[in-house]
Amino acid sequence: MCKKGMGGVRNSEPMQLGFESAPTCLPKALRVLPVSEGVLFPFSILEVTIHKPQDLELVDDTMRSDRLVGVVQSKEIDPSVSEPAFYRTGCLGYVKQFTDGEDGSYAIKLRGLLRFAITEELRAGTGYRLCRVDFDRFISDLPAHREEIAVNREAVVNTLDRFIAAYPQRIDWDAIHEASDEILVNGLAIQGPFSRAEKQALLEAPDLNTRARILISLLEFEVTKVTGPSKNL
């Protein structure tokens, strides 16, 4: 059974929110947090440091209610812009961890639940943004509605191997091989050296297989910057 908060669900654990089997419990409106660095995917983790007064207000209200926030990518390069333009597709996040910094900032750790599309920005009477949202296109993100779609894991790992050869860095290959397809693909999408538009394309991919194919193409493009075009890619 859903307990309604400010257009949301009130509980303490994200997997107990009822979202897995009851899409009617999904919020109709969300507090929206534009982030200038990073992107949140379903069932991934994003850490964000909050400084702006309006974002601090958003987190305060979120922690007093359902701990749910809509995370979107900002289109602004300058993080000091008070009301940045942002992409219209984001991910519902649950504040899994909250730390109050000595300098007045907040550090929060968000867990992605499922994606949403913004349909309308509302007048909230608050410093932060409030938007009406629609989850219909992304119901398949929920565990009970997810279809198993095969991912070419070997192609992902092989492309990653070529990328590491082109851009040497330390990587935990044991963790790579142990990760599920979803964690592997989404983790690389989050950490990859991609533009905001490219990360947004990864976020908006209709399914994990499509996201993996986009990821492979983006990684291959980065490799060609170092090695030049190759018939083997």
Protein backbone atom coordinates (compact mmCIF):
# COMPACT_ATOMS: atom_id res chain seq x y z
CA MET A 1 0.00 0.00 0.00
CA CYS A 2 1.34 3.46 -0.91
CA LYS A 3 1.59 6.30 1.55
CA LYS A 4 1.28 9.56 -0.34
CA GLY A 5 3.61 12.44 0.43
CA MET A 6 4.23 15.49 -1.76
CA GLY A 7 3.28 13.66 -4.90
CA GLY A 8 5.41 10.75 -3.75
CA VAL A 9 5.72 7.71 -1.55
CA ARG A 10 6.83 7.87 2.07
CA ASN A 11 9.03 5.08 3.36
CA SER A 12 12.60 4.44 4.45
CA GLU A 13 13.90 1.86 1.99
CA PRO A 14 13.77 2.24 -1.81
CA MET A 15 12.91 -1.40 -2.48
CA GLN A 16 9.95 -1.15 -0.10
CA LEU A 17 8.36 1.78 -1.92
CA GLY A 18 5.92 -0.41 -3.80
CA PHE A 19 7.24 0.73 -7.17
CA GLU A 20 8.19 -2.79 -8.29
CA SER A 21 4.59 -3.92 -8.69
CA ALA A 22 2.38 -0.83 -8.31
CA PRO A 23 3.14 1.84 -10.92
CA THR A 24 0.00 3.73 -9.84
CA CYS A 25 1.95 4.65 -6.70
CA LEU A 26 4.49 6.65 -8.69
CA PRO A 27 4.58 10.37 -7.93
CA LYS A 28 2.84 12.79 -10.29
CA ALA A 29 5.26 15.61 -9.51
CA LEU A 30 8.87 15.72 -8.38
CA ARG A 31 11.32 18.13 -6.86
CA VAL A 32 13.90 18.42 -9.63
CA LEU A 33 17.63 18.60 -8.96
CA PRO A 34 19.72 19.64 -12.00
CA VAL A 35 23.26 18.28 -11.73
CA SER A 36 26.18 19.70 -13.69
CA GLU A 37 28.37 16.62 -13.29
CA GLY A 38 27.19 13.04 -13.52
CA VAL A 39 23.98 11.33 -14.55
CA LEU A 40 21.77 8.95 -12.60
CA PHE A 41 20.65 5.63 -14.12
CA PRO A 42 18.13 3.14 -12.71
CA PHE A 43 19.75 0.91 -10.08
CA SER A 44 22.96 2.91 -10.12
CA ILE A 45 24.47 5.22 -7.51
CA LEU A 46 25.30 8.91 -7.94
CA GLU A 47 27.08 11.03 -5.33
CA VAL A 48 26.34 14.76 -5.42
CA THR A 49 27.65 17.66 -3.33
CA ILE A 50 25.06 20.40 -2.80
CA HIS A 51 26.04 24.06 -2.35
CA LYS A 52 23.33 26.28 -3.85
CA PRO A 53 20.70 27.61 -1.41
CA GLN A 54 17.81 26.37 -3.55
CA ASP A 55 19.32 22.88 -3.76
CA LEU A 56 19.93 22.85 0.00
CA GLU A 57 16.24 23.73 0.44
CA LEU A 58 15.30 20.90 -1.91
CA VAL A 59 17.32 18.37 0.07
CA ASP A 60 15.86 19.65 3.37
CA ASP A 61 12.31 19.17 2.07
CA THR A 62 13.21 15.80 0.55
CA MET A 63 14.66 14.48 3.81
CA ARG A 64 11.57 15.65 5.71
CA SER A 65 9.25 13.74 3.38
CA ASP A 66 9.77 10.82 1.01
CA ARG A 67 13.52 11.09 0.20
CA LEU A 68 12.61 11.09 -3.51
CA VAL A 69 14.05 13.56 -5.99
CA GLY A 70 14.07 13.84 -9.77
CA VAL A 71 17.65 14.06 -11.02
CA VAL A 72 18.24 15.69 -14.41
CA GLN A 73 21.34 16.79 -16.27
CA SER A 74 21.87 20.53 -16.45
CA LYS A 75 22.54 21.93 -19.92
CA GLU A 76 24.47 24.85 -18.44
CA ILE A 77 28.25 24.82 -18.41
CA ASP A 78 28.38 27.43 -15.63
CA PRO A 79 27.28 25.72 -12.36
CA SER A 80 26.64 29.13 -10.75
CA VAL A 81 23.56 29.77 -12.93
CA SER A 82 20.64 29.92 -10.50
CA GLU A 83 17.99 28.39 -12.79
CA PRO A 84 19.83 26.24 -15.35
CA ALA A 85 18.16 24.78 -18.40
CA PHE A 86 18.02 21.02 -18.09
CA TYR A 87 17.20 17.94 -20.12
CA ARG A 88 13.59 16.80 -20.00
CA THR A 89 14.31 13.14 -19.25
CA GLY A 90 15.77 12.23 -15.88
CA CYS A 91 15.81 9.51 -13.25
CA LEU A 92 13.90 9.24 -10.01
CA GLY A 93 16.41 8.98 -7.19
CA TYR A 94 16.14 7.90 -3.57
CA VAL A 95 18.44 9.66 -1.08
CA LYS A 96 20.24 6.64 0.31
CA GLN A 97 22.82 8.59 2.34
CA PHE A 98 23.01 12.16 3.61
CA THR A 99 25.95 14.04 5.14
CA ASP A 100 25.84 17.61 6.49
CA GLY A 101 29.20 19.29 5.79
CA GLU A 102 30.89 21.73 8.17
CA ASP A 103 30.88 24.37 5.40
CA GLY A 104 27.09 24.18 5.11
CA SER A 105 27.12 21.93 2.07
CA TYR A 106 25.35 18.59 1.81
CA ALA A 107 26.76 15.40 0.36
CA ILE A 108 24.09 12.99 -0.77
CA LYS A 109 24.21 9.53 -2.29
CA LEU A 110 21.30 8.79 -4.62
CA ARG A 111 20.08 5.43 -5.80
CA GLY A 112 18.37 5.43 -9.20
CA LEU A 113 14.90 3.87 -9.37
CA LEU A 114 13.41 4.54 -12.80
CA ARG A 115 13.40 7.18 -15.49
CA PHE A 116 10.78 9.85 -16.14
CA ALA A 117 9.87 12.50 -18.71
CA ILE A 118 9.07 16.05 -17.61
CA THR A 119 5.75 17.23 -18.98
CA GLU A 120 5.36 20.58 -17.24
CA GLU A 121 7.23 22.84 -14.84
CA LEU A 122 5.02 23.96 -11.95
CA ARG A 123 5.01 27.09 -9.84
CA ALA A 124 6.17 25.68 -6.54
CA GLY A 125 6.60 28.76 -4.34
CA THR A 126 10.01 27.38 -3.40
CA GLY A 127 13.57 28.15 -4.41
CA TYR A 128 13.91 24.82 -6.21
CA ARG A 129 12.11 23.53 -9.29
CA LEU A 130 9.01 21.35 -9.20
CA CYS A 131 7.85 19.48 -12.30
CA ARG A 132 4.97 17.30 -13.35
CA VAL A 133 6.38 14.02 -14.64
CA ASP A 134 5.32 10.97 -16.62
CA PHE A 135 6.80 7.49 -16.08
CA ASP A 136 4.75 5.63 -18.72
CA ARG A 137 7.57 5.28 -21.28
CA PHE A 138 9.90 3.85 -18.65
CA ILE A 139 7.77 1.39 -16.69
CA SER A 140 10.02 -1.38 -18.00
CA ASP A 141 12.72 -0.02 -15.64
CA LEU A 142 10.78 -1.55 -12.75
CA PRO A 143 11.86 -5.08 -11.76
CA ALA A 144 8.37 -6.55 -12.14
CA HIS A 145 8.00 -5.10 -15.65
CA ARG A 146 11.51 -5.65 -16.95
CA GLU A 147 12.11 -7.87 -19.95
CA GLU A 148 15.39 -9.77 -20.14
CA ILE A 149 17.17 -8.48 -23.23
CA ALA A 150 20.50 -10.03 -24.06
CA VAL A 151 23.50 -7.72 -23.99
CA ASN A 152 26.62 -8.48 -26.04
CA ARG A 153 28.77 -8.48 -22.92
CA GLU A 154 31.82 -9.78 -24.75
CA ALA A 155 31.71 -6.82 -27.14
CA VAL A 156 31.40 -4.38 -24.22
CA VAL A 157 34.36 -5.88 -22.36
CA ASN A 158 36.52 -6.13 -25.50
CA THR A 159 35.82 -2.51 -26.38
CA LEU A 160 36.61 -1.48 -22.82
CA ASP A 161 39.90 -3.39 -23.07
CA ARG A 162 40.84 -1.42 -26.21
CA PHE A 163 39.83 1.81 -24.52
CA ILE A 164 42.09 1.06 -21.52
CA ALA A 165 44.94 0.26 -23.91
CA ALA A 166 44.44 3.64 -25.59
CA TYR A 167 43.98 5.53 -22.31
CA PRO A 168 46.04 3.61 -19.72
CA GLN A 169 44.52 3.65 -16.24
CA ARG A 170 43.96 1.34 -13.33
CA ILE A 171 40.84 -0.76 -13.52
CA ASP A 172 39.47 -3.54 -11.37
CA TRP A 173 38.93 -6.29 -13.93
CA ASP A 174 37.66 -8.68 -11.25
CA ALA A 175 34.86 -6.24 -10.47
CA ILE A 176 34.17 -5.83 -14.20
CA HIS A 177 33.79 -9.58 -14.71
CA GLU A 178 31.67 -10.03 -11.57
CA ALA A 179 29.28 -7.15 -12.34
CA SER A 180 25.85 -7.83 -13.80
CA ASP A 181 25.20 -6.60 -17.33
CA GLU A 182 23.15 -3.70 -15.98
CA ILE A 183 25.76 -2.60 -13.45
CA LEU A 184 28.54 -2.95 -16.02
CA VAL A 185 26.83 -0.98 -18.79
CA ASN A 186 25.36 1.72 -16.54
CA GLY A 187 28.60 2.07 -14.59
CA LEU A 188 30.62 2.61 -17.77
CA ALA A 189 27.98 5.05 -19.05
CA ILE A 190 28.33 7.09 -15.86
CA GLN A 191 32.13 7.04 -15.72
CA GLY A 192 32.94 7.28 -19.42
CA PRO A 193 34.55 10.43 -20.91
CA PHE A 194 31.37 11.43 -22.70
CA SER A 195 29.69 14.77 -23.29
CA ARG A 196 26.43 15.61 -21.55
CA ALA A 197 24.53 15.06 -24.78
CA GLU A 198 26.14 11.63 -25.18
CA LYS A 199 25.34 10.66 -21.59
CA GLN A 200 21.79 11.84 -22.13
CA ALA A 201 21.53 9.61 -25.20
CA LEU A 202 22.71 6.70 -23.06
CA LEU A 203 20.12 7.53 -20.39
CA GLU A 204 17.29 7.75 -22.90
CA ALA A 205 18.13 4.46 -24.65
CA PRO A 206 14.93 2.37 -24.67
CA ASP A 207 16.57 -0.73 -23.19
CA LEU A 208 19.86 -2.03 -21.82
CA ASN A 209 20.89 -3.69 -25.09
CA THR A 210 20.49 -0.41 -27.00
CA ARG A 211 22.42 1.41 -24.28
CA ALA A 212 25.22 -1.15 -24.55
CA ARG A 213 25.43 -0.66 -28.32
CA ILE A 214 25.57 3.13 -27.93
CA LEU A 215 28.21 2.71 -25.24
CA ILE A 216 30.35 0.54 -27.52
CA SER A 217 30.12 3.12 -30.31
CA LEU A 218 31.12 5.96 -27.98
CA LEU A 219 34.07 4.03 -26.55
CA GLU A 220 35.21 3.03 -30.02
CA PHE A 221 35.10 6.67 -31.11
CA GLU A 222 37.29 7.62 -28.16
CA VAL A 223 39.77 4.89 -29.12
CA THR A 224 40.02 6.16 -32.71
CA LYS A 225 41.14 9.56 -31.36
CA VAL A 226 44.35 7.84 -30.24
CA THR A 227 44.78 4.95 -32.65
CA GLY A 228 43.03 6.19 -35.77
CA PRO A 229 40.37 4.21 -37.64
CA SER A 230 40.84 0.45 -37.52
CA LYS A 231 39.18 -2.36 -39.42
CA ASN A 232 39.20 -4.34 -36.17
CA LEU A 233 36.91 -1.93 -34.30
